Amino acid sequence: MLFALKKLVGSLLLPLPLLLVLMIIALLLLWFSRWQKTGKIILSVGCLMLALISLQPIADRLLAPTESRYPTWRNQQQVDYVVVLGGGYTWNPDWAPGSNMIGNSLPRLVEGIRLWRQNPGSKMIFTGAAAPGNPVSSAEVTSRVAQSLGVPPDAIVALDKPRDTRQEAAEVAKVVANRPFLLVTSASHLPRAMIFFQQQGLNPLPAPANQLAITSPLNFWERAIPSPVWLGHSDRAIYEWLGRSWQALTSGDTPSAEPGNQ
């Protein structure tokens, strides 16, 4: 129950649903009340905020501080395990295998396989429970996609019980013990994930994937025109900040002041 409530409240606090709720309240005030000025102010602020966080310079400035915390792994040492944390997924056997991995999941797997190939004899660990109503778990879908890309079944460990990062860390600890391993997850999620794994007494080697905040040159119009792509980056930054704040509240540590950290 607490898990579902956490997810529900967290989802409602993300930029798009929160701003839509504010704008709906503003419209109700404009149509059905005498609070016309208040309604106009709320609607104007909501529209302005939505436009601003849909701009690349603002969205990526929110996201970049967390994503840049750890550099891309360059095979500095050999490891026994490559742990790839679960993310969004579905399962449709009629689709191309990789199409079942939604959003951040496929880039995580691609980076995990790259690192696994650099560590002969290592095993890949995939995590993630089944979503409600889905007969196949996130870990199993990732395993199937990995096998379609050439990873043999005997090199895979699928942990299909964890529902969040805290549980993933606890389950992985049972497998890796004190052996060296790479922790692969989205660059924005990695700082928070590292804390959960360190709280289990582990010493993961950080391996970020799925970097989103762009610092290289872009066309002027890509920077100047609001886009759902940049809105997604702002959403990720705020999601991570909310997650890091919740982590701090439940584990007693102090969250970073960086706007994108979780």
Protein backbone atom coordinates (compact mmCIF):
# COMPACT_ATOMS: atom_id res chain seq x y z
CA MET A 1 0.00 0.00 0.00
CA LEU A 2 2.80 2.41 0.92
CA PHE A 3 4.61 1.56 -2.30
CA ALA A 4 1.54 2.37 -4.44
CA LEU A 5 0.88 5.57 -2.48
CA LYS A 6 4.49 6.67 -2.93
CA LYS A 7 4.26 6.12 -6.68
CA LEU A 8 0.91 7.90 -6.96
CA VAL A 9 1.95 10.97 -4.98
CA GLY A 10 5.30 11.13 -6.73
CA SER A 11 3.64 10.97 -10.15
CA LEU A 12 1.23 13.78 -9.28
CA LEU A 13 4.14 16.00 -8.19
CA LEU A 14 5.88 15.75 -11.56
CA PRO A 15 5.79 18.89 -13.74
CA LEU A 16 3.15 17.99 -16.32
CA PRO A 17 0.41 16.58 -14.03
CA LEU A 18 1.07 19.24 -11.38
CA LEU A 19 0.86 22.12 -13.87
CA LEU A 20 -2.23 20.62 -15.52
CA VAL A 21 -3.95 20.40 -12.14
CA LEU A 22 -3.09 24.04 -11.45
CA MET A 23 -4.38 25.14 -14.84
CA ILE A 24 -7.61 23.17 -14.41
CA ILE A 25 -8.11 24.88 -11.04
CA ALA A 26 -7.52 28.22 -12.77
CA LEU A 27 -10.11 27.42 -15.46
CA LEU A 28 -12.64 26.40 -12.82
CA LEU A 29 -12.08 29.71 -11.05
CA LEU A 30 -12.52 31.62 -14.31
CA TRP A 31 -15.67 29.81 -15.34
CA PHE A 32 -17.46 29.20 -12.07
CA SER A 33 -16.34 31.77 -9.53
CA ARG A 34 -15.79 35.45 -8.96
CA TRP A 35 -12.06 34.88 -8.37
CA GLN A 36 -11.23 36.00 -11.88
CA LYS A 37 -7.92 37.68 -11.08
CA THR A 38 -6.68 34.69 -9.09
CA GLY A 39 -7.66 32.35 -11.91
CA LYS A 40 -5.84 34.49 -14.47
CA ILE A 41 -2.69 34.59 -12.34
CA ILE A 42 -2.64 30.82 -11.77
CA LEU A 43 -3.30 30.09 -15.44
CA SER A 44 -0.64 32.52 -16.58
CA VAL A 45 1.97 31.12 -14.16
CA GLY A 46 1.11 27.57 -15.18
CA CYS A 47 1.46 28.29 -18.89
CA LEU A 48 4.71 30.19 -18.36
CA MET A 49 6.23 27.42 -16.24
CA LEU A 50 5.22 24.77 -18.77
CA ALA A 51 6.83 26.77 -21.57
CA LEU A 52 10.05 27.38 -19.62
CA ILE A 53 10.66 23.79 -18.58
CA SER A 54 10.04 22.72 -22.19
CA LEU A 55 13.07 24.74 -23.35
CA GLN A 56 16.37 22.91 -23.80
CA PRO A 57 18.64 25.37 -21.95
CA ILE A 58 16.48 25.26 -18.82
CA ALA A 59 15.62 21.55 -18.91
CA ASP A 60 19.18 20.38 -19.40
CA ARG A 61 20.54 22.81 -16.85
CA LEU A 62 18.22 21.18 -14.32
CA LEU A 63 19.30 17.69 -15.31
CA ALA A 64 23.03 18.08 -15.96
CA PRO A 65 24.31 18.39 -12.35
CA THR A 66 23.13 14.91 -11.42
CA GLU A 67 24.01 13.27 -14.72
CA SER A 68 27.59 14.55 -14.59
CA ARG A 69 28.27 13.12 -11.11
CA TYR A 70 29.93 9.98 -12.50
CA PRO A 71 31.89 9.67 -15.77
CA THR A 72 31.33 6.94 -18.34
CA TRP A 73 33.06 3.71 -17.29
CA ARG A 74 36.26 3.11 -19.30
CA ASN A 75 37.16 -0.44 -18.23
CA GLN A 76 39.41 0.73 -15.38
CA GLN A 77 39.28 -2.70 -13.70
CA GLN A 78 37.88 -6.17 -14.24
CA VAL A 79 34.66 -7.18 -12.51
CA ASP A 80 32.71 -10.36 -11.82
CA TYR A 81 29.23 -8.90 -12.35
CA VAL A 82 27.52 -6.22 -14.43
CA VAL A 83 24.30 -5.18 -12.67
CA VAL A 84 21.71 -3.52 -14.91
CA LEU A 85 18.81 -1.98 -12.98
CA GLY A 86 15.29 -2.37 -14.33
CA GLY A 87 13.22 0.40 -15.85
CA GLY A 88 10.17 0.86 -18.00
CA TYR A 89 8.99 -2.15 -19.99
CA THR A 90 6.07 -4.03 -21.48
CA TRP A 91 5.79 -7.43 -23.11
CA ASN A 92 4.37 -8.05 -26.57
CA PRO A 93 5.82 -11.18 -28.21
CA ASP A 94 4.88 -9.83 -31.66
CA TRP A 95 7.20 -6.84 -31.28
CA ALA A 96 10.91 -6.71 -31.98
CA PRO A 97 12.51 -7.71 -28.64
CA GLY A 98 14.07 -4.33 -27.87
CA SER A 99 10.75 -2.53 -28.43
CA ASN A 100 9.52 -4.03 -25.17
CA MET A 101 12.04 -1.95 -23.25
CA ILE A 102 10.57 1.50 -22.73
CA GLY A 103 12.37 4.77 -22.16
CA ASN A 104 15.53 4.38 -20.13
CA SER A 105 15.64 0.57 -20.12
CA LEU A 106 17.16 -0.14 -23.53
CA PRO A 107 20.09 2.32 -23.17
CA ARG A 108 20.87 0.75 -19.79
CA LEU A 109 20.95 -2.72 -21.34
CA VAL A 110 23.07 -1.62 -24.30
CA GLU A 111 25.66 -0.11 -21.98
CA GLY A 112 25.51 -3.16 -19.74
CA ILE A 113 26.23 -5.50 -22.65
CA ARG A 114 29.12 -3.30 -23.78
CA LEU A 115 30.66 -3.54 -20.32
CA TRP A 116 29.95 -7.27 -20.04
CA ARG A 117 31.88 -7.87 -23.26
CA GLN A 118 34.85 -6.03 -21.74
CA ASN A 119 34.85 -8.42 -18.77
CA PRO A 120 35.18 -12.01 -20.05
CA GLY A 121 33.72 -14.55 -17.67
CA SER A 122 31.51 -12.02 -15.88
CA LYS A 123 27.77 -12.40 -15.39
CA MET A 124 24.98 -9.93 -16.01
CA ILE A 125 22.38 -9.32 -13.29
CA PHE A 126 19.00 -7.92 -14.32
CA THR A 127 16.50 -6.65 -11.78
CA GLY A 128 12.85 -5.71 -11.70
CA ALA A 129 9.51 -7.23 -10.70
CA ALA A 130 6.48 -7.73 -12.91
CA ALA A 131 4.25 -4.71 -13.38
CA PRO A 132 0.62 -5.22 -12.26
CA GLY A 133 -1.23 -7.29 -14.84
CA ASN A 134 1.91 -8.23 -16.75
CA PRO A 135 2.83 -11.94 -16.59
CA VAL A 136 6.47 -11.22 -17.46
CA SER A 137 8.82 -9.35 -15.11
CA SER A 138 11.11 -6.50 -16.04
CA ALA A 139 14.12 -8.69 -15.26
CA GLU A 140 12.84 -11.46 -17.54
CA VAL A 141 12.14 -9.08 -20.44
CA THR A 142 15.64 -7.62 -20.11
CA SER A 143 17.04 -11.15 -20.06
CA ARG A 144 15.17 -12.08 -23.24
CA VAL A 145 16.32 -8.96 -25.04
CA ALA A 146 19.92 -9.55 -23.90
CA GLN A 147 19.80 -13.09 -25.23
CA SER A 148 18.49 -11.81 -28.55
CA LEU A 149 21.62 -9.61 -28.65
CA GLY A 150 24.00 -12.51 -28.06
CA VAL A 151 24.31 -12.83 -24.28
CA PRO A 152 24.14 -16.56 -23.36
CA PRO A 153 21.55 -17.64 -20.76
CA ASP A 154 24.23 -19.03 -18.44
CA ALA A 155 25.75 -15.54 -18.18
CA ILE A 156 22.50 -14.03 -16.86
CA VAL A 157 21.02 -13.80 -13.36
CA ALA A 158 17.45 -12.44 -13.31
CA LEU A 159 16.15 -11.05 -10.00
CA ASP A 160 12.41 -10.62 -10.51
CA LYS A 161 11.26 -9.69 -7.00
CA PRO A 162 12.49 -6.09 -6.41
CA ARG A 163 9.98 -3.31 -7.09
CA ASP A 164 12.23 -0.33 -6.45
CA THR A 165 15.90 0.58 -6.15
CA ARG A 166 16.11 -0.08 -2.42
CA GLN A 167 14.84 -3.62 -2.93
CA GLU A 168 17.11 -4.10 -5.94
CA ALA A 169 20.14 -3.27 -3.81
CA ALA A 170 19.10 -5.77 -1.13
CA GLU A 171 18.59 -8.58 -3.66
CA VAL A 172 21.81 -7.89 -5.54
CA ALA A 173 23.75 -7.96 -2.26
CA LYS A 174 22.70 -11.59 -1.78
CA VAL A 175 24.30 -12.53 -5.10
CA VAL A 176 27.47 -10.44 -5.39
CA ALA A 177 28.58 -10.43 -1.73
CA ASN A 178 32.01 -8.74 -1.68
CA ARG A 179 32.92 -9.35 -5.32
CA PRO A 180 33.53 -6.38 -7.65
CA PHE A 181 30.62 -5.32 -9.83
CA LEU A 182 29.52 -2.51 -12.11
CA LEU A 183 26.25 -0.74 -11.38
CA VAL A 184 24.58 0.30 -14.62
CA THR A 185 21.60 2.63 -14.55
CA SER A 186 20.57 5.98 -16.00
CA ALA A 187 23.10 8.72 -15.30
CA SER A 188 20.48 10.79 -13.48
CA HIS A 189 19.45 7.84 -11.30
CA LEU A 190 22.95 6.64 -10.49
CA PRO A 191 23.75 8.95 -7.51
CA ARG A 192 20.64 7.79 -5.67
CA ALA A 193 21.20 4.15 -6.64
CA MET A 194 24.78 4.29 -5.36
CA ILE A 195 23.52 5.34 -1.93
CA PHE A 196 21.06 2.43 -1.75
CA PHE A 197 23.78 -0.06 -2.69
CA GLN A 198 26.30 1.44 -0.28
CA GLN A 199 23.72 1.18 2.49
CA GLN A 200 23.80 -2.59 1.86
CA GLY A 201 27.54 -2.59 2.59
CA LEU A 202 28.42 -2.87 -1.10
CA ASN A 203 31.01 -0.95 -3.09
CA PRO A 204 29.53 -0.65 -6.59
CA LEU A 205 31.55 0.77 -9.44
CA PRO A 206 29.37 3.46 -11.07
CA ALA A 207 28.61 2.99 -14.76
CA PRO A 208 26.18 5.64 -16.03
CA ALA A 209 24.03 5.10 -19.12
CA ASN A 210 21.30 6.98 -20.96
CA GLN A 211 22.77 10.47 -20.52
CA LEU A 212 20.21 13.03 -21.68
CA ALA A 213 21.40 16.55 -20.82
CA ILE A 214 22.99 17.94 -23.98
CA THR A 215 26.05 20.16 -23.72
CA SER A 216 27.19 19.82 -27.33
CA PRO A 217 26.04 22.29 -30.02
CA LEU A 218 22.41 22.32 -31.18
CA ASN A 219 20.56 24.23 -33.84
CA PHE A 220 19.19 27.55 -32.63
CA TRP A 221 15.57 26.50 -33.13
CA GLU A 222 16.10 23.35 -31.11
CA ARG A 223 17.14 25.50 -28.17
CA ALA A 224 14.54 28.22 -28.67
CA ILE A 225 11.32 26.27 -29.34
CA PRO A 226 9.57 24.35 -26.53
CA SER A 227 9.54 20.59 -27.14
CA PRO A 228 8.17 17.50 -25.38
CA VAL A 229 11.73 16.12 -25.52
CA TRP A 230 13.02 18.89 -23.25
CA LEU A 231 9.92 18.65 -21.08
CA GLY A 232 10.87 15.01 -20.56
CA HIS A 233 14.34 16.10 -19.41
CA SER A 234 12.81 18.49 -16.87
CA ASP A 235 10.48 15.72 -15.75
CA ARG A 236 13.47 13.43 -15.19
CA ALA A 237 15.34 16.09 -13.22
CA ILE A 238 12.41 16.77 -10.91
CA TYR A 239 11.61 13.06 -10.56
CA GLU A 240 15.17 12.46 -9.40
CA TRP A 241 15.04 15.35 -6.96
CA LEU A 242 11.79 14.01 -5.48
CA GLY A 243 13.27 10.53 -5.23
CA ARG A 244 16.42 11.79 -3.55
CA SER A 245 14.36 13.82 -1.07
CA TRP A 246 12.28 10.75 -0.21
CA GLN A 247 15.45 8.73 0.17
CA ALA A 248 16.82 11.32 2.59
CA LEU A 249 13.62 11.32 4.63
CA THR A 250 13.52 7.54 4.93
CA SER A 251 17.23 6.90 5.45
CA GLY A 252 18.27 9.93 7.48
CA ASP A 253 20.86 11.42 5.13
CA THR A 254 20.75 14.95 3.71
CA PRO A 255 19.86 15.47 0.05
CA SER A 256 22.08 17.55 -2.17
CA ALA A 257 20.87 21.04 -3.02
CA GLU A 258 21.35 20.31 -6.71
CA PRO A 259 17.99 20.71 -8.45
CA GLY A 260 18.30 17.50 -10.41
CA ASN A 261 19.57 15.19 -7.68
CA GLN A 262 17.54 12.39 -6.09
